Amino acid sequence: MDHKISRNIKKGSYSLTDFLMILISNKVRYMFMFILGFMWFRNHSDKKMVKNAVISLTVALLINSLIKLFYYKPRPFMKHRIRLLIPSKMDSSFPSKHTILMFAISTTVFLCKRALGLIMLGLSVLTGISRIWVGHHYPSDIIGSAILGSLTGIVIEKMSRFSKFFYK
């Protein structure tokens, strides 16, 4: 089913769409870093949220690394004839590091600042779709990574309300 969905998403050649998906896949993370950096210097109340987002990002990266140590799933281009738009590592397809990190950050921001968080969640969804489009991941990899990243953001945000460590 994963392969059928991936294949249907990538039917034909769409140079403008390919360009946009490559751009989203490679550059949205830098936009997130810029947003967090801007918010860090904006005012004191945003520093708490930025700190939580960085902690969520770190925990999500740890979760990603642990899963990849114990679970291997070949990437779509390794198993099927899928056009690869940008070079990729040959490591496990699940979880998608780009997606898990984007969702961890955007969920944390969403829980504090709804409007900005919704925009960032939308960009996270686009990042996930772009990772399928460029041939690096299956839809199930993206869905699972989005869930893991969102749960990480929620847990860190909830823990921060009860812990002085986050507010030092």
N, C-alpha and C. Protein backbone atom coordinates (compact mmCIF):
# COMPACT_ATOMS: atom_id res chain seq x y z
N MET A 1 0.83 -1.19 0.00
CA MET A 1 0.00 0.00 0.00
C MET A 1 0.88 1.26 0.00
N ASP A 2 1.93 1.26 0.82
CA ASP A 2 2.87 2.38 0.87
C ASP A 2 3.41 2.69 -0.53
N HIS A 3 3.84 1.63 -1.22
CA HIS A 3 4.43 1.82 -2.54
C HIS A 3 3.40 2.36 -3.54
N LYS A 4 2.17 1.87 -3.47
CA LYS A 4 1.13 2.34 -4.39
C LYS A 4 0.85 3.83 -4.19
N ILE A 5 0.77 4.24 -2.94
CA ILE A 5 0.52 5.66 -2.65
C ILE A 5 1.70 6.50 -3.12
N SER A 6 2.92 6.06 -2.83
CA SER A 6 4.11 6.78 -3.27
C SER A 6 4.15 6.90 -4.79
N ARG A 7 3.84 5.82 -5.47
CA ARG A 7 3.87 5.81 -6.93
C ARG A 7 2.82 6.76 -7.50
N ASN A 8 1.63 6.79 -6.90
CA ASN A 8 0.57 7.68 -7.39
C ASN A 8 0.90 9.14 -7.14
N ILE A 9 1.57 9.44 -6.05
CA ILE A 9 1.97 10.81 -5.77
C ILE A 9 2.98 11.28 -6.81
N LYS A 10 3.83 10.40 -7.27
CA LYS A 10 4.93 10.79 -8.15
C LYS A 10 4.69 10.47 -9.62
N LYS A 11 3.44 10.29 -10.05
CA LYS A 11 3.17 10.03 -11.46
C LYS A 11 3.55 11.24 -12.29
N GLY A 12 4.22 10.99 -13.41
CA GLY A 12 4.53 12.06 -14.35
C GLY A 12 5.71 12.90 -13.92
N SER A 13 5.97 13.91 -14.70
CA SER A 13 7.07 14.82 -14.42
C SER A 13 6.52 16.24 -14.31
N TYR A 14 6.74 16.86 -13.19
CA TYR A 14 6.24 18.20 -12.93
C TYR A 14 7.41 19.05 -12.48
N SER A 15 8.07 19.71 -13.39
CA SER A 15 9.30 20.40 -13.04
C SER A 15 9.10 21.48 -11.97
N LEU A 16 8.02 22.26 -12.04
CA LEU A 16 7.78 23.29 -11.03
C LEU A 16 7.48 22.65 -9.67
N THR A 17 6.65 21.61 -9.68
CA THR A 17 6.32 20.92 -8.44
C THR A 17 7.56 20.25 -7.87
N ASP A 18 8.36 19.63 -8.73
CA ASP A 18 9.61 19.01 -8.27
C ASP A 18 10.50 20.06 -7.61
N PHE A 19 10.63 21.21 -8.25
CA PHE A 19 11.46 22.29 -7.70
C PHE A 19 10.95 22.72 -6.33
N LEU A 20 9.63 22.92 -6.20
CA LEU A 20 9.06 23.35 -4.92
C LEU A 20 9.24 22.29 -3.83
N MET A 21 9.06 21.03 -4.18
CA MET A 21 9.22 19.96 -3.20
C MET A 21 10.68 19.82 -2.75
N ILE A 22 11.61 20.00 -3.67
CA ILE A 22 13.03 19.97 -3.30
C ILE A 22 13.34 21.14 -2.38
N LEU A 23 12.81 22.31 -2.72
CA LEU A 23 13.02 23.51 -1.91
C LEU A 23 12.46 23.32 -0.49
N ILE A 24 11.23 22.82 -0.40
CA ILE A 24 10.61 22.59 0.91
C ILE A 24 11.40 21.55 1.69
N SER A 25 11.76 20.46 1.04
CA SER A 25 12.49 19.38 1.71
C SER A 25 13.83 19.84 2.27
N ASN A 26 14.50 20.73 1.55
CA ASN A 26 15.84 21.16 1.95
C ASN A 26 15.88 22.41 2.81
N LYS A 27 14.88 23.30 2.71
CA LYS A 27 15.03 24.63 3.30
C LYS A 27 14.09 24.99 4.45
N VAL A 28 12.98 24.30 4.63
CA VAL A 28 12.03 24.68 5.68
C VAL A 28 12.67 24.63 7.06
N ARG A 29 13.56 23.69 7.28
CA ARG A 29 14.22 23.57 8.59
C ARG A 29 15.00 24.84 8.93
N TYR A 30 15.57 25.50 7.93
CA TYR A 30 16.29 26.75 8.19
C TYR A 30 15.33 27.87 8.55
N MET A 31 14.14 27.85 7.96
CA MET A 31 13.12 28.83 8.31
C MET A 31 12.70 28.63 9.77
N PHE A 32 12.58 27.38 10.21
CA PHE A 32 12.23 27.09 11.60
C PHE A 32 13.32 27.61 12.54
N MET A 33 14.59 27.40 12.17
CA MET A 33 15.69 27.90 13.01
C MET A 33 15.66 29.42 13.08
N PHE A 34 15.38 30.07 11.96
CA PHE A 34 15.28 31.53 11.95
C PHE A 34 14.15 32.01 12.86
N ILE A 35 12.99 31.36 12.78
CA ILE A 35 11.84 31.74 13.61
C ILE A 35 12.19 31.59 15.09
N LEU A 36 12.80 30.47 15.46
CA LEU A 36 13.16 30.25 16.86
C LEU A 36 14.21 31.27 17.32
N GLY A 37 15.18 31.56 16.46
CA GLY A 37 16.19 32.56 16.80
C GLY A 37 15.57 33.93 16.99
N PHE A 38 14.67 34.30 16.11
CA PHE A 38 13.98 35.59 16.21
C PHE A 38 13.18 35.67 17.50
N MET A 39 12.46 34.59 17.83
CA MET A 39 11.63 34.60 19.03
C MET A 39 12.49 34.62 20.30
N TRP A 40 13.68 34.02 20.25
CA TRP A 40 14.58 34.01 21.40
C TRP A 40 14.96 35.43 21.79
N PHE A 41 15.23 36.26 20.78
CA PHE A 41 15.67 37.63 21.04
C PHE A 41 14.51 38.63 21.16
N ARG A 42 13.30 38.19 20.88
CA ARG A 42 12.15 39.10 20.88
C ARG A 42 11.73 39.54 22.27
N ASN A 43 11.38 38.62 23.12
CA ASN A 43 11.05 38.97 24.50
C ASN A 43 11.22 37.76 25.42
N HIS A 44 11.18 38.02 26.72
CA HIS A 44 11.48 36.98 27.71
C HIS A 44 10.48 35.82 27.67
N SER A 45 9.20 36.09 27.50
CA SER A 45 8.20 35.01 27.54
C SER A 45 8.40 34.02 26.39
N ASP A 46 8.92 34.49 25.25
CA ASP A 46 9.16 33.58 24.13
C ASP A 46 10.36 32.67 24.38
N LYS A 47 11.25 33.06 25.27
CA LYS A 47 12.43 32.23 25.55
C LYS A 47 12.03 30.88 26.13
N LYS A 48 10.98 30.86 26.95
CA LYS A 48 10.52 29.60 27.52
C LYS A 48 10.06 28.65 26.41
N MET A 49 9.30 29.20 25.47
CA MET A 49 8.80 28.38 24.38
C MET A 49 9.95 27.89 23.49
N VAL A 50 10.90 28.76 23.19
CA VAL A 50 12.04 28.38 22.36
C VAL A 50 12.86 27.30 23.05
N LYS A 51 13.06 27.45 24.35
CA LYS A 51 13.80 26.43 25.10
C LYS A 51 13.09 25.09 25.04
N ASN A 52 11.77 25.10 25.19
CA ASN A 52 10.99 23.86 25.08
C ASN A 52 11.09 23.27 23.68
N ALA A 53 11.07 24.12 22.65
CA ALA A 53 11.18 23.64 21.27
C ALA A 53 12.54 22.99 21.03
N VAL A 54 13.60 23.57 21.57
CA VAL A 54 14.94 23.00 21.40
C VAL A 54 15.05 21.68 22.16
N ILE A 55 14.46 21.61 23.33
CA ILE A 55 14.46 20.35 24.09
C ILE A 55 13.66 19.29 23.32
N SER A 56 12.52 19.67 22.78
CA SER A 56 11.71 18.74 21.98
C SER A 56 12.50 18.25 20.77
N LEU A 57 13.19 19.15 20.11
CA LEU A 57 14.01 18.80 18.96
C LEU A 57 15.09 17.80 19.35
N THR A 58 15.73 18.04 20.49
CA THR A 58 16.80 17.17 20.96
C THR A 58 16.26 15.78 21.31
N VAL A 59 15.14 15.74 22.01
CA VAL A 59 14.53 14.45 22.37
C VAL A 59 14.08 13.71 21.12
N ALA A 60 13.49 14.42 20.17
CA ALA A 60 13.04 13.80 18.92
C ALA A 60 14.23 13.23 18.14
N LEU A 61 15.34 13.94 18.14
CA LEU A 61 16.55 13.46 17.47
C LEU A 61 17.06 12.19 18.14
N LEU A 62 16.99 12.15 19.47
CA LEU A 62 17.40 10.96 20.22
C LEU A 62 16.47 9.77 19.90
N ILE A 63 15.17 10.03 19.87
CA ILE A 63 14.21 8.98 19.52
C ILE A 63 14.49 8.45 18.12
N ASN A 64 14.73 9.36 17.18
CA ASN A 64 15.03 8.98 15.80
C ASN A 64 16.27 8.08 15.75
N SER A 65 17.31 8.47 16.46
CA SER A 65 18.56 7.69 16.46
C SER A 65 18.36 6.32 17.10
N LEU A 66 17.60 6.26 18.20
CA LEU A 66 17.36 4.97 18.86
C LEU A 66 16.57 4.01 17.98
N ILE A 67 15.55 4.52 17.33
CA ILE A 67 14.74 3.66 16.44
C ILE A 67 15.62 3.13 15.31
N LYS A 68 16.43 3.99 14.73
CA LYS A 68 17.27 3.56 13.61
C LYS A 68 18.33 2.54 14.03
N LEU A 69 18.69 2.53 15.32
CA LEU A 69 19.64 1.52 15.81
C LEU A 69 19.03 0.12 15.80
N PHE A 70 17.73 0.04 16.05
CA PHE A 70 17.08 -1.26 16.24
C PHE A 70 16.13 -1.66 15.12
N TYR A 71 15.83 -0.75 14.21
CA TYR A 71 14.85 -1.05 13.16
C TYR A 71 15.36 -0.53 11.83
N TYR A 72 15.28 -1.37 10.81
CA TYR A 72 15.70 -0.95 9.47
C TYR A 72 14.58 -1.21 8.48
N LYS A 73 14.25 -0.18 7.72
CA LYS A 73 13.27 -0.29 6.64
C LYS A 73 13.91 0.36 5.42
N PRO A 74 14.08 -0.40 4.32
CA PRO A 74 14.71 0.16 3.13
C PRO A 74 13.92 1.36 2.59
N ARG A 75 14.64 2.33 2.08
CA ARG A 75 14.00 3.50 1.49
C ARG A 75 13.32 3.10 0.18
N PRO A 76 12.31 3.87 -0.25
CA PRO A 76 11.55 3.51 -1.46
C PRO A 76 12.42 3.33 -2.70
N PHE A 77 13.41 4.19 -2.89
CA PHE A 77 14.24 4.10 -4.09
C PHE A 77 15.16 2.88 -4.06
N MET A 78 15.35 2.28 -2.88
CA MET A 78 16.20 1.11 -2.76
C MET A 78 15.44 -0.16 -3.14
N LYS A 79 14.13 -0.13 -2.92
CA LYS A 79 13.29 -1.31 -3.13
C LYS A 79 12.51 -1.27 -4.44
N HIS A 80 12.18 -0.08 -4.88
CA HIS A 80 11.34 0.08 -6.06
C HIS A 80 11.98 1.07 -7.02
N ARG A 81 11.51 1.06 -8.23
CA ARG A 81 12.04 2.00 -9.23
C ARG A 81 11.32 3.34 -9.05
N ILE A 82 11.87 4.16 -8.16
CA ILE A 82 11.31 5.47 -7.89
C ILE A 82 12.35 6.51 -8.27
N ARG A 83 11.90 7.52 -8.96
CA ARG A 83 12.79 8.61 -9.38
C ARG A 83 13.22 9.39 -8.15
N LEU A 84 14.50 9.43 -7.91
CA LEU A 84 15.08 10.13 -6.76
C LEU A 84 15.46 11.54 -7.20
N LEU A 85 14.88 12.56 -6.56
CA LEU A 85 15.11 13.94 -6.98
C LEU A 85 16.34 14.57 -6.34
N ILE A 86 16.69 14.14 -5.13
CA ILE A 86 17.88 14.64 -4.46
C ILE A 86 18.60 13.45 -3.82
N PRO A 87 19.91 13.53 -3.69
CA PRO A 87 20.67 12.41 -3.10
C PRO A 87 20.16 12.08 -1.69
N SER A 88 20.29 10.82 -1.33
CA SER A 88 19.81 10.36 -0.03
C SER A 88 20.81 9.41 0.61
N LYS A 89 20.75 9.37 1.92
CA LYS A 89 21.52 8.36 2.65
C LYS A 89 20.87 7.01 2.39
N MET A 90 21.61 5.96 2.67
CA MET A 90 21.11 4.61 2.46
C MET A 90 20.65 3.99 3.79
N ASP A 91 20.38 4.83 4.79
CA ASP A 91 19.95 4.31 6.08
C ASP A 91 18.45 4.01 6.06
N SER A 92 17.90 3.72 7.21
CA SER A 92 16.50 3.33 7.32
C SER A 92 15.56 4.46 6.93
N SER A 93 14.48 4.07 6.31
CA SER A 93 13.46 5.02 5.87
C SER A 93 12.62 5.53 7.05
N PHE A 94 12.46 4.69 8.07
CA PHE A 94 11.66 5.07 9.23
C PHE A 94 12.54 5.21 10.46
N PRO A 95 12.35 6.26 11.21
CA PRO A 95 11.50 7.43 10.98
C PRO A 95 12.21 8.47 10.12
N SER A 96 11.42 9.38 9.59
CA SER A 96 11.96 10.49 8.81
C SER A 96 12.47 11.56 9.77
N LYS A 97 13.78 11.80 9.73
CA LYS A 97 14.37 12.78 10.65
C LYS A 97 13.81 14.18 10.39
N HIS A 98 13.71 14.56 9.13
CA HIS A 98 13.17 15.89 8.80
C HIS A 98 11.77 16.06 9.42
N THR A 99 10.93 15.06 9.22
CA THR A 99 9.54 15.16 9.65
C THR A 99 9.41 15.13 11.17
N ILE A 100 10.11 14.23 11.83
CA ILE A 100 9.99 14.14 13.29
C ILE A 100 10.45 15.44 13.96
N LEU A 101 11.53 16.04 13.43
CA LEU A 101 12.04 17.28 14.00
C LEU A 101 11.09 18.45 13.74
N MET A 102 10.56 18.54 12.53
CA MET A 102 9.65 19.64 12.20
C MET A 102 8.39 19.58 13.06
N PHE A 103 7.85 18.38 13.25
CA PHE A 103 6.64 18.25 14.06
C PHE A 103 6.91 18.47 15.54
N ALA A 104 8.07 18.07 16.03
CA ALA A 104 8.41 18.33 17.43
C ALA A 104 8.45 19.83 17.70
N ILE A 105 9.09 20.57 16.80
CA ILE A 105 9.19 22.02 16.97
C ILE A 105 7.82 22.68 16.80
N SER A 106 7.13 22.37 15.71
CA SER A 106 5.87 23.07 15.42
C SER A 106 4.79 22.76 16.44
N THR A 107 4.76 21.55 16.98
CA THR A 107 3.78 21.23 18.01
C THR A 107 4.07 22.01 19.28
N THR A 108 5.33 22.13 19.65
CA THR A 108 5.70 22.91 20.83
C THR A 108 5.28 24.37 20.65
N VAL A 109 5.55 24.93 19.49
CA VAL A 109 5.16 26.32 19.22
C VAL A 109 3.64 26.45 19.22
N PHE A 110 2.95 25.50 18.60
CA PHE A 110 1.49 25.53 18.54
C PHE A 110 0.85 25.58 19.93
N LEU A 111 1.42 24.84 20.87
CA LEU A 111 0.84 24.80 22.22
C LEU A 111 0.99 26.13 22.96
N CYS A 112 1.90 26.98 22.50
CA CYS A 112 2.11 28.29 23.13
C CYS A 112 1.57 29.45 22.30
N LYS A 113 1.72 29.37 21.01
CA LYS A 113 1.30 30.43 20.10
C LYS A 113 0.54 29.79 18.94
N ARG A 114 -0.78 29.77 19.06
CA ARG A 114 -1.63 29.02 18.12
C ARG A 114 -1.45 29.43 16.65
N ALA A 115 -1.49 30.71 16.34
CA ALA A 115 -1.44 31.15 14.94
C ALA A 115 -0.10 30.76 14.29
N LEU A 116 0.99 31.12 14.93
CA LEU A 116 2.31 30.77 14.40
C LEU A 116 2.47 29.24 14.36
N GLY A 117 1.99 28.56 15.38
CA GLY A 117 2.08 27.11 15.43
C GLY A 117 1.32 26.44 14.30
N LEU A 118 0.16 26.97 13.94
CA LEU A 118 -0.61 26.41 12.81
C LEU A 118 0.16 26.56 11.51
N ILE A 119 0.77 27.72 11.31
CA ILE A 119 1.57 27.93 10.10
C ILE A 119 2.74 26.93 10.08
N MET A 120 3.39 26.77 11.22
CA MET A 120 4.53 25.85 11.29
C MET A 120 4.08 24.40 11.13
N LEU A 121 2.91 24.05 11.66
CA LEU A 121 2.38 22.69 11.45
C LEU A 121 2.09 22.46 9.97
N GLY A 122 1.55 23.47 9.30
CA GLY A 122 1.31 23.37 7.86
C GLY A 122 2.61 23.14 7.10
N LEU A 123 3.65 23.87 7.48
CA LEU A 123 4.96 23.68 6.85
C LEU A 123 5.54 22.30 7.17
N SER A 124 5.24 21.79 8.36
CA SER A 124 5.68 20.44 8.73
C SER A 124 5.00 19.39 7.86
N VAL A 125 3.72 19.57 7.61
CA VAL A 125 2.99 18.65 6.73
C VAL A 125 3.59 18.70 5.32
N LEU A 126 3.83 19.92 4.83
CA LEU A 126 4.46 20.05 3.51
C LEU A 126 5.83 19.40 3.46
N THR A 127 6.59 19.52 4.54
CA THR A 127 7.90 18.88 4.60
C THR A 127 7.74 17.36 4.49
N GLY A 128 6.78 16.81 5.21
CA GLY A 128 6.54 15.37 5.12
C GLY A 128 6.16 14.94 3.71
N ILE A 129 5.27 15.68 3.08
CA ILE A 129 4.86 15.36 1.71
C ILE A 129 6.05 15.47 0.76
N SER A 130 6.87 16.48 0.98
CA SER A 130 8.04 16.67 0.11
C SER A 130 9.01 15.50 0.23
N ARG A 131 9.12 14.93 1.41
CA ARG A 131 10.03 13.80 1.61
C ARG A 131 9.55 12.56 0.85
N ILE A 132 8.23 12.42 0.72
CA ILE A 132 7.68 11.35 -0.12
C ILE A 132 7.94 11.68 -1.59
N TRP A 133 7.67 12.93 -1.96
CA TRP A 133 7.79 13.37 -3.34
C TRP A 133 9.21 13.19 -3.89
N VAL A 134 10.22 13.51 -3.08
CA VAL A 134 11.60 13.40 -3.56
C VAL A 134 12.10 11.95 -3.57
N GLY A 135 11.30 11.03 -3.06
CA GLY A 135 11.61 9.61 -3.12
C GLY A 135 12.35 9.04 -1.92
N HIS A 136 12.39 9.78 -0.82
CA HIS A 136 13.15 9.33 0.35
C HIS A 136 12.35 8.50 1.34
N HIS A 137 11.03 8.68 1.38
CA HIS A 137 10.22 8.02 2.41
C HIS A 137 8.88 7.53 1.85
N TYR A 138 8.34 6.56 2.56
CA TYR A 138 6.98 6.09 2.30
C TYR A 138 6.00 6.93 3.12
N PRO A 139 4.73 6.97 2.73
CA PRO A 139 3.72 7.71 3.52
C PRO A 139 3.65 7.25 4.97
N SER A 140 3.77 5.95 5.23
CA SER A 140 3.71 5.46 6.61
C SER A 140 4.89 5.97 7.44
N ASP A 141 6.05 6.17 6.82
CA ASP A 141 7.20 6.75 7.52
C ASP A 141 6.87 8.16 7.99
N ILE A 142 6.22 8.91 7.12
CA ILE A 142 5.89 10.30 7.42
C ILE A 142 4.82 10.39 8.49
N ILE A 143 3.80 9.57 8.38
CA ILE A 143 2.72 9.57 9.38
C ILE A 143 3.27 9.19 10.75
N GLY A 144 4.06 8.12 10.80
CA GLY A 144 4.65 7.69 12.06
C GLY A 144 5.59 8.74 12.66
N SER A 145 6.38 9.37 11.82
CA SER A 145 7.30 10.41 12.28
C SER A 145 6.54 11.63 12.78
N ALA A 146 5.45 11.99 12.10
CA ALA A 146 4.63 13.12 12.53
C ALA A 146 4.02 12.84 13.90
N ILE A 147 3.56 11.64 14.11
CA ILE A 147 2.98 11.26 15.41
C ILE A 147 4.06 11.31 16.50
N LEU A 148 5.22 10.72 16.22
CA LEU A 148 6.31 10.73 17.21
C LEU A 148 6.76 12.15 17.54
N GLY A 149 6.92 12.98 16.52
CA GLY A 149 7.34 14.35 16.74
C GLY A 149 6.32 15.15 17.52
N SER A 150 5.04 14.99 17.17
CA SER A 150 3.97 15.70 17.88
C SER A 150 3.88 15.27 19.33
N LEU A 151 3.95 13.96 19.56
CA LEU A 151 3.92 13.47 20.94
C LEU A 151 5.10 13.98 21.75
N THR A 152 6.26 14.05 21.13
CA THR A 152 7.44 14.57 21.81
C THR A 152 7.21 16.02 22.22
N GLY A 153 6.70 16.84 21.29
CA GLY A 153 6.41 18.24 21.59
C GLY A 153 5.40 18.40 22.71
N ILE A 154 4.36 17.58 22.69
CA ILE A 154 3.31 17.64 23.73
C ILE A 154 3.88 17.26 25.08
N VAL A 155 4.63 16.15 25.13
CA VAL A 155 5.19 15.67 26.41
C VAL A 155 6.16 16.70 26.99
N ILE A 156 7.04 17.24 26.16
CA ILE A 156 8.01 18.22 26.66
C ILE A 156 7.29 19.47 27.15
N GLU A 157 6.30 19.93 26.42
CA GLU A 157 5.55 21.12 26.83
C GLU A 157 4.82 20.87 28.16
N LYS A 158 4.20 19.71 28.31
CA LYS A 158 3.50 19.39 29.56
C LYS A 158 4.48 19.23 30.72
N MET A 159 5.61 18.59 30.47
CA MET A 159 6.62 18.42 31.52
C MET A 159 7.17 19.77 31.97
N SER A 160 7.30 20.70 31.04
CA SER A 160 7.88 21.99 31.37
C SER A 160 7.01 22.79 32.35
N ARG A 161 5.75 22.51 32.36
CA ARG A 161 4.84 23.21 33.27
C ARG A 161 5.03 22.76 34.72
N PHE A 162 5.62 21.57 34.89
CA PHE A 162 5.80 21.02 36.23
C PHE A 162 7.25 20.95 36.68
N SER A 163 8.15 21.43 35.85
CA SER A 163 9.57 21.28 36.18
C SER A 163 10.28 22.63 36.17
N LYS A 164 11.04 22.88 37.18
CA LYS A 164 11.82 24.12 37.26
C LYS A 164 13.02 24.07 36.32
N PHE A 165 13.46 22.87 35.93
CA PHE A 165 14.60 22.73 35.02
C PHE A 165 14.41 23.52 33.73
N PHE A 166 13.19 23.50 33.21
CA PHE A 166 12.91 24.14 31.94
C PHE A 166 12.92 25.67 32.04
N TYR A 167 12.72 26.21 33.22
CA TYR A 167 12.56 27.66 33.36
C TYR A 167 13.76 28.35 33.99
N LYS A 168 14.87 27.67 34.14
CA LYS A 168 16.06 28.31 34.72
C LYS A 168 16.68 29.25 33.73
